[in-house]
N, C-alpha and C. Protein backbone atom coordinates (compact mmCIF):
# COMPACT_ATOMS: atom_id res chain seq x y z
N UNK A 1 0.53 -1.43 0.14
CA UNK A 1 0.33 0.00 -0.22
C UNK A 1 0.85 1.30 0.17
N UNK A 2 2.07 1.41 0.77
CA UNK A 2 3.12 3.01 0.92
C UNK A 2 3.52 3.34 -0.39
N UNK A 3 3.24 1.94 -2.13
CA UNK A 3 4.00 2.40 -3.25
C UNK A 3 3.17 3.17 -3.91
N UNK A 4 1.39 2.93 -3.41
CA UNK A 4 0.56 3.77 -4.19
C UNK A 4 0.09 4.67 -4.01
N UNK A 5 -0.68 5.73 -4.49
CA UNK A 5 -1.24 6.83 -4.47
C UNK A 5 -2.09 7.50 -2.86
N UNK A 6 -2.64 6.28 -2.35
CA UNK A 6 -3.19 6.52 -1.23
C UNK A 6 -2.51 5.80 -0.24
N UNK A 7 -1.51 5.22 -0.44
CA UNK A 7 -0.65 4.76 0.51
C UNK A 7 0.35 5.60 1.10
N UNK A 8 0.68 6.87 -0.27
CA UNK A 8 1.45 7.90 0.25
C UNK A 8 0.42 8.95 0.77
N UNK A 9 -0.72 8.89 0.80
CA UNK A 9 -1.17 9.53 1.52
C UNK A 9 -1.79 9.57 2.74
N UNK A 10 -1.86 8.32 2.73
CA UNK A 10 -2.57 8.00 4.35
C UNK A 10 -1.12 7.33 5.15
N UNK A 11 -0.09 7.13 5.03
CA UNK A 11 1.12 6.70 5.31
C UNK A 11 1.55 7.43 6.88
N UNK A 12 1.47 8.26 6.65
CA UNK A 12 1.78 9.41 7.55
C UNK A 12 0.70 9.11 8.65
N UNK A 13 -0.44 8.99 8.56
CA UNK A 13 -1.70 9.17 9.20
C UNK A 13 -1.00 7.13 10.43
N UNK A 14 -1.32 6.44 9.31
CA UNK A 14 -1.37 5.10 9.81
C UNK A 14 -0.39 4.61 10.33
N UNK A 15 0.72 6.10 10.57
CA UNK A 15 1.86 5.26 11.44
C UNK A 15 2.01 5.56 12.66
N UNK A 16 1.30 6.60 13.02
CA UNK A 16 0.48 6.67 14.79
C UNK A 16 -0.59 5.51 14.55
N UNK A 17 -0.97 5.07 14.15
CA UNK A 17 -1.86 3.59 14.67
C UNK A 17 -1.14 2.70 14.91
N UNK A 18 -1.42 1.96 16.23
CA UNK A 18 -0.63 0.42 16.73
C UNK A 18 0.74 0.99 16.99
N UNK A 19 0.63 2.04 17.67
CA UNK A 19 2.16 2.65 18.44
C UNK A 19 3.46 3.00 17.01
N UNK A 20 3.29 3.18 15.95
CA UNK A 20 4.42 3.64 15.28
C UNK A 20 4.89 2.41 14.51
N UNK A 21 3.87 1.66 13.99
CA UNK A 21 4.50 0.13 13.21
C UNK A 21 5.51 0.95 12.37
N UNK A 22 5.11 1.27 11.51
CA UNK A 22 5.83 1.95 10.39
C UNK A 22 7.82 2.10 10.56
N UNK A 23 7.21 3.45 11.84
CA UNK A 23 8.07 3.97 12.06
C UNK A 23 9.41 2.83 12.53
N UNK A 24 8.67 1.92 13.75
CA UNK A 24 9.53 1.21 14.24
C UNK A 24 10.31 0.00 13.01
N UNK A 25 9.14 -0.08 12.28
CA UNK A 25 9.76 -1.28 10.89
C UNK A 25 10.86 -0.70 9.89
N UNK A 26 10.72 0.82 10.23
CA UNK A 26 11.94 1.27 9.30
C UNK A 26 12.79 1.81 10.48
N UNK A 27 12.95 1.84 11.24
CA UNK A 27 13.72 1.96 13.02
C UNK A 27 14.92 0.62 12.55
N UNK A 28 14.41 -0.51 12.83
CA UNK A 28 14.69 -1.72 12.67
C UNK A 28 15.34 -2.26 11.33
N UNK A 29 15.10 -1.42 10.28
CA UNK A 29 15.17 -2.21 9.31
C UNK A 29 16.89 -1.05 9.69
N UNK A 30 17.24 0.15 9.65
CA UNK A 30 18.03 1.22 9.91
C UNK A 30 18.96 -0.06 10.50
N UNK A 31 18.83 -0.35 12.15
CA UNK A 31 19.78 -0.51 13.21
C UNK A 31 20.34 -1.99 12.84
N UNK A 32 19.56 -2.69 11.68
CA UNK A 32 19.52 -4.14 11.64
C UNK A 32 21.08 -3.69 10.40
N UNK A 33 20.51 -3.33 9.68
CA UNK A 33 21.65 -3.09 7.95
C UNK A 33 22.98 -2.38 9.15
N UNK A 34 22.66 -1.56 9.83
CA UNK A 34 24.13 -0.98 10.20
C UNK A 34 25.01 -2.43 10.80
N UNK A 35 23.88 -3.21 11.75
CA UNK A 35 24.70 -4.06 12.80
C UNK A 35 25.53 -4.95 11.86
N UNK A 36 24.88 -5.45 11.20
CA UNK A 36 25.88 -6.76 9.87
C UNK A 36 26.26 -5.89 9.19
N UNK A 37 26.25 -4.18 8.75
CA UNK A 37 27.64 -3.86 8.27
C UNK A 37 28.95 -3.64 8.90
N UNK A 38 28.72 -3.31 10.51
CA UNK A 38 29.77 -3.16 11.33
C UNK A 38 30.59 -5.03 11.52
N UNK A 39 29.65 -5.80 11.64
CA UNK A 39 29.95 -7.27 11.56
C UNK A 39 30.50 -7.76 10.57
N UNK A 40 30.40 -7.44 9.07
CA UNK A 40 31.30 -7.59 7.95
C UNK A 40 32.37 -7.06 8.10
N UNK A 41 32.97 -5.48 8.69
CA UNK A 41 34.28 -5.16 8.88
C UNK A 41 35.64 -6.01 8.28
N UNK A 42 35.87 -5.67 7.55
CA UNK A 42 37.36 -6.71 7.83
C UNK A 42 38.06 -6.78 8.61
N UNK A 43 38.46 -5.45 9.25
CA UNK A 43 39.59 -5.10 10.51
C UNK A 43 39.10 -6.57 11.29
N UNK A 44 38.04 -6.94 11.26
CA UNK A 44 37.79 -8.03 12.53
C UNK A 44 38.25 -9.19 12.18
N UNK A 45 38.20 -9.34 10.64
CA UNK A 45 39.06 -11.11 10.41
C UNK A 45 39.92 -11.10 10.09
N UNK A 46 40.70 -9.59 10.15
CA UNK A 46 42.08 -9.59 9.23
C UNK A 46 42.81 -9.19 11.04
N UNK A 47 42.50 -8.28 11.48
CA UNK A 47 43.52 -7.62 12.99
C UNK A 47 42.89 -8.12 14.13
N UNK A 48 41.70 -8.95 14.06
CA UNK A 48 41.23 -9.54 15.23
C UNK A 48 40.75 -10.82 15.46
N UNK A 49 41.66 -10.96 14.45
CA UNK A 49 41.62 -12.93 14.29
C UNK A 49 39.73 -13.70 14.39
N UNK A 50 39.03 -13.03 14.18
CA UNK A 50 37.35 -13.81 14.57
C UNK A 50 37.58 -14.67 13.11
N UNK A 51 37.50 -15.87 13.18
CA UNK A 51 36.98 -16.94 11.95
C UNK A 51 36.04 -16.38 11.44
N UNK A 52 36.63 -16.02 9.92
CA UNK A 52 35.40 -15.96 8.84
C UNK A 52 35.32 -16.77 8.14
N UNK A 53 33.79 -17.24 8.96
CA UNK A 53 33.20 -18.63 9.17
C UNK A 53 31.60 -17.98 8.92
N UNK A 54 30.66 -19.24 8.79
CA UNK A 54 29.44 -18.55 9.20
C UNK A 54 29.17 -18.58 10.47
N UNK A 55 29.80 -19.64 11.23
CA UNK A 55 30.39 -19.46 12.99
C UNK A 55 30.27 -17.89 13.13
N UNK A 56 31.34 -17.49 12.61
CA UNK A 56 31.95 -16.13 13.15
C UNK A 56 31.67 -15.33 12.65
N UNK A 57 30.77 -14.97 11.47
CA UNK A 57 30.04 -14.21 10.93
C UNK A 57 28.61 -14.05 12.09
N UNK A 58 28.41 -15.44 12.58
CA UNK A 58 27.21 -14.94 13.30
C UNK A 58 27.00 -14.41 14.26
N UNK A 59 28.89 -15.04 14.78
CA UNK A 59 29.07 -14.03 16.42
C UNK A 59 28.94 -12.86 16.22
N UNK A 60 29.50 -12.37 15.20
CA UNK A 60 29.93 -10.91 15.29
C UNK A 60 28.51 -10.51 14.80
N UNK A 61 27.63 -10.77 14.31
CA UNK A 61 25.78 -10.00 14.49
C UNK A 61 25.88 -9.95 15.51
N UNK A 62 25.76 -11.34 16.02
CA UNK A 62 25.01 -11.62 17.39
C UNK A 62 25.94 -10.67 19.03
N UNK A 63 26.75 -10.15 18.60
CA UNK A 63 27.37 -9.17 19.41
C UNK A 63 27.51 -7.79 19.48
N UNK A 64 26.99 -7.97 17.65
CA UNK A 64 26.70 -6.24 17.55
C UNK A 64 25.25 -5.90 18.02
N UNK A 65 24.85 -7.08 17.75
CA UNK A 65 22.94 -7.28 18.06
C UNK A 65 22.94 -6.95 19.57
N UNK A 66 23.73 -7.40 20.53
CA UNK A 66 23.14 -7.24 21.81
C UNK A 66 23.88 -6.02 22.27
N UNK A 67 24.81 -5.39 21.59
CA UNK A 67 25.18 -4.15 22.50
C UNK A 67 24.17 -3.10 21.35
N UNK A 68 23.72 -3.01 20.97
CA UNK A 68 21.98 -2.10 20.22
C UNK A 68 20.58 -2.64 21.94
N UNK A 69 20.55 -4.01 21.61
CA UNK A 69 20.02 -4.26 22.82
C UNK A 69 19.87 -3.56 24.17
N UNK A 70 21.23 -4.05 24.21
CA UNK A 70 21.80 -3.34 26.03
C UNK A 70 21.38 -1.63 25.60
N UNK A 71 21.74 -1.25 24.77
CA UNK A 71 21.38 0.37 24.77
C UNK A 71 19.95 0.50 24.74
N UNK A 72 19.17 -0.11 24.55
CA UNK A 72 17.18 -0.26 24.62
C UNK A 72 17.13 -0.78 25.53
N UNK A 73 17.47 -1.53 26.70
CA UNK A 73 16.95 -2.40 27.28
C UNK A 73 16.66 -0.78 28.56
N UNK A 74 15.63 -1.23 29.13
CA UNK A 74 15.14 -0.43 30.49
C UNK A 74 14.88 1.24 30.07
N UNK A 75 14.39 1.54 28.55
CA UNK A 75 14.20 2.29 28.34
C UNK A 75 12.76 2.78 28.11
N UNK A 76 11.73 1.92 28.25
CA UNK A 76 10.52 2.09 28.00
C UNK A 76 9.66 0.72 26.86
N UNK A 77 8.48 1.12 26.64
CA UNK A 77 8.04 0.20 26.29
C UNK A 77 8.13 0.18 24.51
N UNK A 78 8.22 1.52 24.55
CA UNK A 78 8.56 1.35 22.62
C UNK A 78 9.94 1.21 22.39
N UNK A 79 11.12 1.03 23.31
CA UNK A 79 12.44 0.59 23.02
C UNK A 79 12.01 -1.04 23.32
N UNK A 80 11.25 -1.43 24.48
CA UNK A 80 12.01 -2.76 24.15
C UNK A 80 11.09 -3.68 22.87
N UNK A 81 10.09 -2.62 22.39
CA UNK A 81 9.29 -2.78 21.32
C UNK A 81 10.46 -3.26 20.35
N UNK A 82 11.47 -2.31 20.36
CA UNK A 82 11.98 -1.80 19.02
C UNK A 82 13.11 -3.25 19.18
N UNK A 83 13.61 -3.66 20.51
CA UNK A 83 14.53 -4.44 20.92
C UNK A 83 14.19 -5.83 20.28
N UNK A 84 12.53 -5.67 20.83
CA UNK A 84 11.90 -7.43 20.17
C UNK A 84 11.93 -7.92 19.20
N UNK A 85 11.64 -6.92 17.80
CA UNK A 85 11.88 -6.74 16.83
C UNK A 85 12.91 -6.95 15.78
N UNK A 86 13.72 -6.31 16.46
CA UNK A 86 15.11 -6.03 16.11
C UNK A 86 15.81 -7.81 16.54
N UNK A 87 15.78 -8.75 17.04
CA UNK A 87 15.99 -9.88 17.67
C UNK A 87 15.44 -10.83 16.55
N UNK A 88 14.25 -10.12 16.66
CA UNK A 88 13.14 -11.13 15.12
C UNK A 88 13.59 -11.23 14.33
N UNK A 89 14.02 -9.74 13.51
CA UNK A 89 14.68 -9.45 12.67
C UNK A 89 15.83 -10.71 12.24
N UNK A 90 16.45 -10.40 13.42
CA UNK A 90 18.12 -11.16 12.95
C UNK A 90 17.25 -13.10 13.01
N UNK A 91 16.87 -13.84 13.69
CA UNK A 91 16.07 -14.87 13.23
C UNK A 91 15.54 -15.17 12.45
N UNK A 92 15.07 -14.25 11.90
CA UNK A 92 14.62 -14.63 10.36
C UNK A 92 15.45 -14.26 9.00
N UNK A 93 16.48 -13.38 9.39
CA UNK A 93 17.33 -13.19 8.64
C UNK A 93 18.63 -14.43 8.73
N UNK A 94 18.48 -15.30 9.38
CA UNK A 94 19.68 -16.06 9.49
C UNK A 94 18.60 -17.55 8.87
N UNK A 95 17.26 -17.53 9.08
CA UNK A 95 16.72 -18.76 8.48
C UNK A 95 16.29 -18.48 6.69
N UNK A 96 16.82 -16.99 6.58
CA UNK A 96 16.46 -16.75 4.99
C UNK A 96 17.79 -17.25 4.43
N UNK A 97 19.10 -17.11 5.01
CA UNK A 97 20.61 -17.02 4.93
C UNK A 97 20.48 -19.11 4.48
N UNK A 98 20.11 -19.76 5.95
CA UNK A 98 20.33 -21.10 5.76
C UNK A 98 19.51 -21.54 4.16
N UNK A 99 18.45 -21.30 4.32
CA UNK A 99 17.33 -21.47 3.29
C UNK A 99 18.69 -21.68 1.81
N UNK A 100 18.73 -19.94 1.87
CA UNK A 100 19.62 -19.39 0.14
C UNK A 100 21.03 -20.80 0.10
N UNK A 101 21.54 -21.31 1.79
CA UNK A 101 22.78 -22.17 1.99
C UNK A 101 22.61 -23.42 1.55
N UNK A 102 21.16 -23.75 1.01
CA UNK A 102 20.58 -24.79 0.71
C UNK A 102 20.21 -25.88 2.06
N UNK A 103 20.08 -25.15 3.09
CA UNK A 103 20.10 -26.47 3.85
C UNK A 103 18.55 -26.80 3.86
N UNK A 104 18.16 -27.58 4.62
CA UNK A 104 16.69 -28.27 3.81
C UNK A 104 16.13 -27.72 5.12
N UNK A 105 14.43 -27.90 4.79
CA UNK A 105 13.58 -27.37 5.19
C UNK A 105 13.36 -28.05 7.41
N UNK A 106 13.97 -28.97 7.63
CA UNK A 106 14.06 -29.58 8.69
C UNK A 106 14.95 -29.37 9.44
N UNK A 107 16.26 -28.74 8.85
CA UNK A 107 17.18 -28.45 9.42
C UNK A 107 17.78 -27.46 9.85
N UNK A 108 16.77 -26.16 9.05
CA UNK A 108 16.81 -24.79 9.79
C UNK A 108 16.34 -24.62 10.53
N UNK A 109 14.86 -25.32 11.28
CA UNK A 109 14.12 -24.92 12.58
C UNK A 109 15.08 -25.38 13.30
N UNK A 110 15.92 -26.55 13.15
CA UNK A 110 17.24 -26.93 14.15
C UNK A 110 18.11 -26.15 14.19
N UNK A 111 18.48 -25.60 13.59
CA UNK A 111 19.53 -24.78 13.49
C UNK A 111 19.35 -23.43 13.90
N UNK A 112 18.17 -22.70 13.87
CA UNK A 112 17.64 -21.62 14.07
C UNK A 112 17.24 -21.51 15.79
N UNK A 113 16.76 -22.83 16.20
CA UNK A 113 16.59 -23.11 17.30
C UNK A 113 17.32 -22.90 18.51
N UNK A 114 18.75 -23.55 17.81
CA UNK A 114 19.71 -23.44 18.38
C UNK A 114 20.33 -21.98 18.60
N UNK A 115 20.71 -21.75 17.89
CA UNK A 115 20.89 -20.24 17.52
C UNK A 115 20.25 -19.04 18.04
N UNK A 116 18.85 -19.65 18.87
CA UNK A 116 18.36 -18.49 19.71
C UNK A 116 18.50 -18.86 20.80
N UNK A 117 18.08 -19.91 21.35
CA UNK A 117 18.71 -20.45 22.48
C UNK A 117 20.70 -20.04 22.43
N UNK A 118 21.30 -20.25 22.14
CA UNK A 118 22.96 -19.54 22.14
C UNK A 118 22.77 -18.35 22.62
N UNK A 119 21.97 -18.05 21.77
CA UNK A 119 21.61 -16.39 21.87
C UNK A 119 21.12 -15.60 23.62
N UNK A 120 20.68 -16.42 23.85
CA UNK A 120 20.06 -16.11 25.10
C UNK A 120 21.07 -16.18 26.01
N UNK A 121 22.11 -16.99 26.70
CA UNK A 121 23.62 -17.22 26.85
C UNK A 121 24.08 -15.75 26.49
N UNK A 122 24.66 -16.11 24.97
CA UNK A 122 25.15 -14.87 24.93
C UNK A 122 25.38 -13.40 25.72
N UNK A 123 23.87 -12.97 25.56
CA UNK A 123 23.23 -11.88 25.86
C UNK A 123 23.65 -11.63 27.57
N UNK A 124 23.26 -12.77 28.08
CA UNK A 124 23.43 -13.00 29.84
C UNK A 124 25.26 -12.91 29.79
N UNK A 125 25.68 -13.49 29.09
CA UNK A 125 27.31 -13.58 29.25
C UNK A 125 27.96 -12.04 29.30
N UNK A 126 27.58 -11.78 28.21
CA UNK A 126 27.79 -10.03 27.52
C UNK A 126 27.58 -8.80 28.44
N UNK A 127 26.34 -8.92 28.50
CA UNK A 127 25.70 -7.94 29.50
C UNK A 127 26.74 -8.07 30.78
N UNK A 128 26.59 -9.37 31.96
CA UNK A 128 27.27 -9.61 32.63
C UNK A 128 28.09 -8.83 33.07
N UNK A 129 29.23 -9.33 31.94
CA UNK A 129 30.32 -9.03 31.58
C UNK A 129 30.93 -7.60 31.35
N UNK A 130 30.00 -7.27 30.52
CA UNK A 130 30.01 -5.04 30.74
C UNK A 130 29.92 -4.69 31.82
N UNK A 131 29.17 -5.29 32.75
CA UNK A 131 28.60 -4.32 34.03
C UNK A 131 29.92 -4.31 35.05
N UNK A 132 30.83 -6.08 34.83
CA UNK A 132 31.66 -5.74 35.39
C UNK A 132 32.65 -5.09 35.48
N UNK A 133 33.38 -4.76 36.81
CA UNK A 133 34.44 -3.78 36.46
C UNK A 133 35.84 -4.38 35.90
N UNK A 134 35.44 -5.88 36.46
CA UNK A 134 36.85 -6.66 35.84
C UNK A 134 36.62 -7.06 34.53
N UNK A 135 37.95 -6.63 33.96
CA UNK A 135 38.03 -6.30 32.31
C UNK A 135 38.19 -7.98 32.01
N UNK A 136 38.59 -9.35 32.53
CA UNK A 136 39.00 -10.05 32.23
C UNK A 136 37.91 -11.16 31.98
N UNK A 137 36.86 -10.03 32.57
CA UNK A 137 35.40 -11.52 32.47
C UNK A 137 34.78 -10.98 30.74
N UNK A 138 34.89 -9.81 30.25
CA UNK A 138 34.55 -9.99 28.76
C UNK A 138 35.34 -10.54 28.46
N UNK A 139 36.64 -10.60 28.51
CA UNK A 139 37.38 -11.68 27.42
C UNK A 139 37.10 -13.25 27.54
N UNK A 140 36.78 -13.65 28.59
CA UNK A 140 36.42 -15.00 29.01
C UNK A 140 35.08 -14.83 28.47
N UNK A 141 34.11 -14.50 27.93
CA UNK A 141 32.87 -14.43 27.15
C UNK A 141 33.55 -14.28 25.90
N UNK A 142 34.01 -13.45 25.49
CA UNK A 142 34.52 -13.22 23.78
C UNK A 142 35.64 -14.56 23.55
N UNK A 143 36.47 -14.74 24.46
CA UNK A 143 37.02 -16.35 24.31
C UNK A 143 35.76 -17.58 24.01
N UNK A 144 34.57 -17.52 25.60
CA UNK A 144 33.62 -18.91 25.08
C UNK A 144 32.77 -18.59 23.82
N UNK A 145 32.50 -17.13 23.09
CA UNK A 145 31.58 -17.40 22.33
C UNK A 145 32.46 -16.94 21.19
N UNK A 146 32.91 -15.46 20.22
CA UNK A 146 33.54 -15.16 19.50
C UNK A 146 34.71 -15.77 18.99
N UNK A 147 35.74 -16.20 20.17
CA UNK A 147 37.24 -17.53 19.63
C UNK A 147 36.58 -18.38 20.09
N UNK A 148 35.29 -19.45 20.21
CA UNK A 148 35.19 -20.58 20.56
C UNK A 148 35.83 -21.43 19.65
N UNK A 149 35.86 -21.32 18.22
CA UNK A 149 36.52 -22.38 17.54
C UNK A 149 37.73 -21.93 17.08
N UNK A 150 38.46 -20.96 17.59
CA UNK A 150 40.23 -20.56 17.96
C UNK A 150 41.13 -20.98 18.86
N UNK A 151 42.02 -21.79 18.16
CA UNK A 151 43.28 -22.72 19.01
C UNK A 151 44.22 -22.31 18.81
N UNK A 152 44.99 -21.32 19.24
CA UNK A 152 44.84 -20.55 20.13
C UNK A 152 44.43 -19.14 19.52
N UNK A 153 43.65 -18.69 20.67
CA UNK A 153 43.40 -17.38 19.98
C UNK A 153 45.03 -16.48 19.97
N UNK A 154 44.99 -15.65 19.04
CA UNK A 154 46.63 -14.92 18.83
C UNK A 154 46.74 -13.97 19.93
N UNK A 155 48.09 -13.91 19.83
CA UNK A 155 48.36 -12.79 20.92
C UNK A 155 47.61 -11.44 21.02
N UNK A 156 47.46 -10.91 21.93
CA UNK A 156 46.27 -9.25 21.83
C UNK A 156 44.62 -9.38 21.31
N UNK A 157 44.41 -10.21 20.38
CA UNK A 157 43.42 -10.47 19.58
C UNK A 157 42.12 -10.77 21.38
N UNK A 158 42.38 -10.72 22.18
CA UNK A 158 41.12 -10.69 23.16
C UNK A 158 41.00 -9.04 23.60
N UNK A 159 42.20 -8.96 23.85
CA UNK A 159 42.24 -7.38 24.64
C UNK A 159 41.52 -6.96 23.81
N UNK A 160 42.17 -6.73 22.52
CA UNK A 160 42.11 -5.41 21.38
C UNK A 160 40.09 -5.57 21.55
N UNK A 161 39.58 -6.81 21.16
CA UNK A 161 38.43 -7.27 20.83
C UNK A 161 37.30 -6.62 22.45
N UNK A 162 38.11 -7.05 23.13
CA UNK A 162 37.25 -6.27 24.60
C UNK A 162 37.36 -4.86 24.75
N UNK A 163 38.59 -4.24 24.03
CA UNK A 163 38.21 -2.85 24.13
C UNK A 163 37.07 -2.33 23.00
N UNK A 164 37.51 -3.00 21.95
CA UNK A 164 36.21 -2.63 21.10
C UNK A 164 34.82 -2.55 21.27
N UNK A 165 34.55 -4.05 22.57
CA UNK A 165 33.43 -4.06 22.48
C UNK A 165 32.96 -2.81 24.07
N UNK A 166 34.02 -2.86 24.41
CA UNK A 166 33.79 -1.68 25.70
C UNK A 166 33.41 -0.33 24.59
N UNK A 167 34.61 0.41 23.90
CA UNK A 167 34.54 1.32 23.47
C UNK A 167 33.24 1.54 22.36
N UNK A 168 32.86 0.28 22.13
CA UNK A 168 31.50 0.21 21.07
C UNK A 168 30.14 0.61 22.38
N UNK A 169 30.08 -0.15 23.72
CA UNK A 169 29.60 0.26 24.47
C UNK A 169 28.74 1.38 25.04
N UNK A 170 30.01 2.17 25.17
CA UNK A 170 29.99 3.50 25.69
C UNK A 170 29.68 4.76 24.63
N UNK A 171 29.98 4.11 23.43
CA UNK A 171 29.64 5.23 22.13
C UNK A 171 28.12 4.95 22.39
N UNK A 172 27.54 3.61 22.24
CA UNK A 172 25.68 3.59 22.24
C UNK A 172 25.78 4.40 23.39
N UNK A 173 26.34 4.02 24.81
CA UNK A 173 25.42 4.57 25.38
C UNK A 173 25.21 6.35 25.77
N UNK A 174 26.22 7.12 24.66
CA UNK A 174 26.47 8.27 24.63
C UNK A 174 25.78 8.39 23.68
N UNK A 175 25.14 7.87 22.87
CA UNK A 175 24.22 8.30 21.55
C UNK A 175 23.03 8.65 22.12
N UNK A 176 22.03 9.66 21.70
CA UNK A 176 20.55 10.10 22.05
C UNK A 176 19.87 8.51 21.76
N UNK A 177 19.24 8.31 23.19
CA UNK A 177 18.23 7.42 22.67
C UNK A 177 17.38 7.63 21.44
N UNK A 178 16.99 8.56 21.32
CA UNK A 178 15.64 8.93 20.30
C UNK A 178 16.53 8.57 18.83
N UNK A 179 17.89 9.17 18.78
CA UNK A 179 18.80 8.94 17.54
C UNK A 179 18.64 6.75 17.62
N UNK A 180 18.53 6.62 18.36
CA UNK A 180 18.63 5.37 17.86
C UNK A 180 16.82 4.50 17.86
N UNK A 181 16.37 5.02 19.02
CA UNK A 181 14.44 4.34 18.03
C UNK A 181 14.70 4.95 16.91
N UNK A 182 15.04 5.83 15.95
CA UNK A 182 15.04 6.05 14.50
C UNK A 182 15.80 4.86 13.54
N UNK A 183 16.85 4.39 14.68
CA UNK A 183 17.50 3.54 13.62
C UNK A 183 18.43 3.56 13.54
N UNK A 184 19.31 4.80 13.99
CA UNK A 184 20.44 4.94 13.36
C UNK A 184 21.56 4.56 14.74
N UNK A 185 22.93 4.19 14.73
CA UNK A 185 23.50 3.56 16.04
C UNK A 185 25.29 4.03 15.25
N UNK A 186 25.74 4.19 16.42
CA UNK A 186 27.37 4.34 15.77
C UNK A 186 27.91 3.58 16.73
N UNK A 187 29.06 2.47 16.19
CA UNK A 187 29.52 1.72 16.57
C UNK A 187 30.91 2.62 17.23
N UNK A 188 31.79 2.18 17.63
CA UNK A 188 33.48 2.53 17.74
C UNK A 188 33.77 2.29 16.20
N UNK A 189 35.57 2.78 16.11
CA UNK A 189 35.87 2.33 15.04
C UNK A 189 36.95 1.12 15.20
N UNK A 190 36.56 0.26 13.89
CA UNK A 190 37.29 -0.97 13.62
C UNK A 190 38.88 -1.02 13.83
N UNK A 191 39.34 -1.98 14.57
CA UNK A 191 40.73 -1.84 14.66
C UNK A 191 41.10 -2.55 13.28
N UNK A 192 42.20 -2.03 12.30
CA UNK A 192 42.80 -1.81 11.73
C UNK A 192 43.88 -3.42 11.45
């Protein structure tokens, strides 16, 4: 309907129905695009030794997603709805990606369920580690998740990645909530 004349005419009015559903959809799209774009930055895979695999890329998207979800946490009902939609968008995107890779229908449900279950643990681990003043707790969480398939993790990679995650969390915390709610997000610079 949005491409039609009536859709363009009524669009602004309909945005206010149902708590700004269109605005929230646009915000989710902007946030998810920024998250995936940041997660694909080559510096993570070269300078910080993140595995350039399906699992490594999933971990990078998950890490950036939870940083944004952390920023939205406790910021009211609309922020909660946006956070939920963002998470659902990630799950849908992974499901679509698995289909494109040729994973059978029965395998998709199992893998998406495993990813979703794993996300709950990651969210908790990273959230607790960021709240803790002990810097090593974040390194342990990153080692267990992001670098879980890397043995050994190259010297300095965990420390550098932990510094990046803390800097990104700080950048998001400093960003006005209104801009995040509109789909804009700023992460720290990626080490080169």
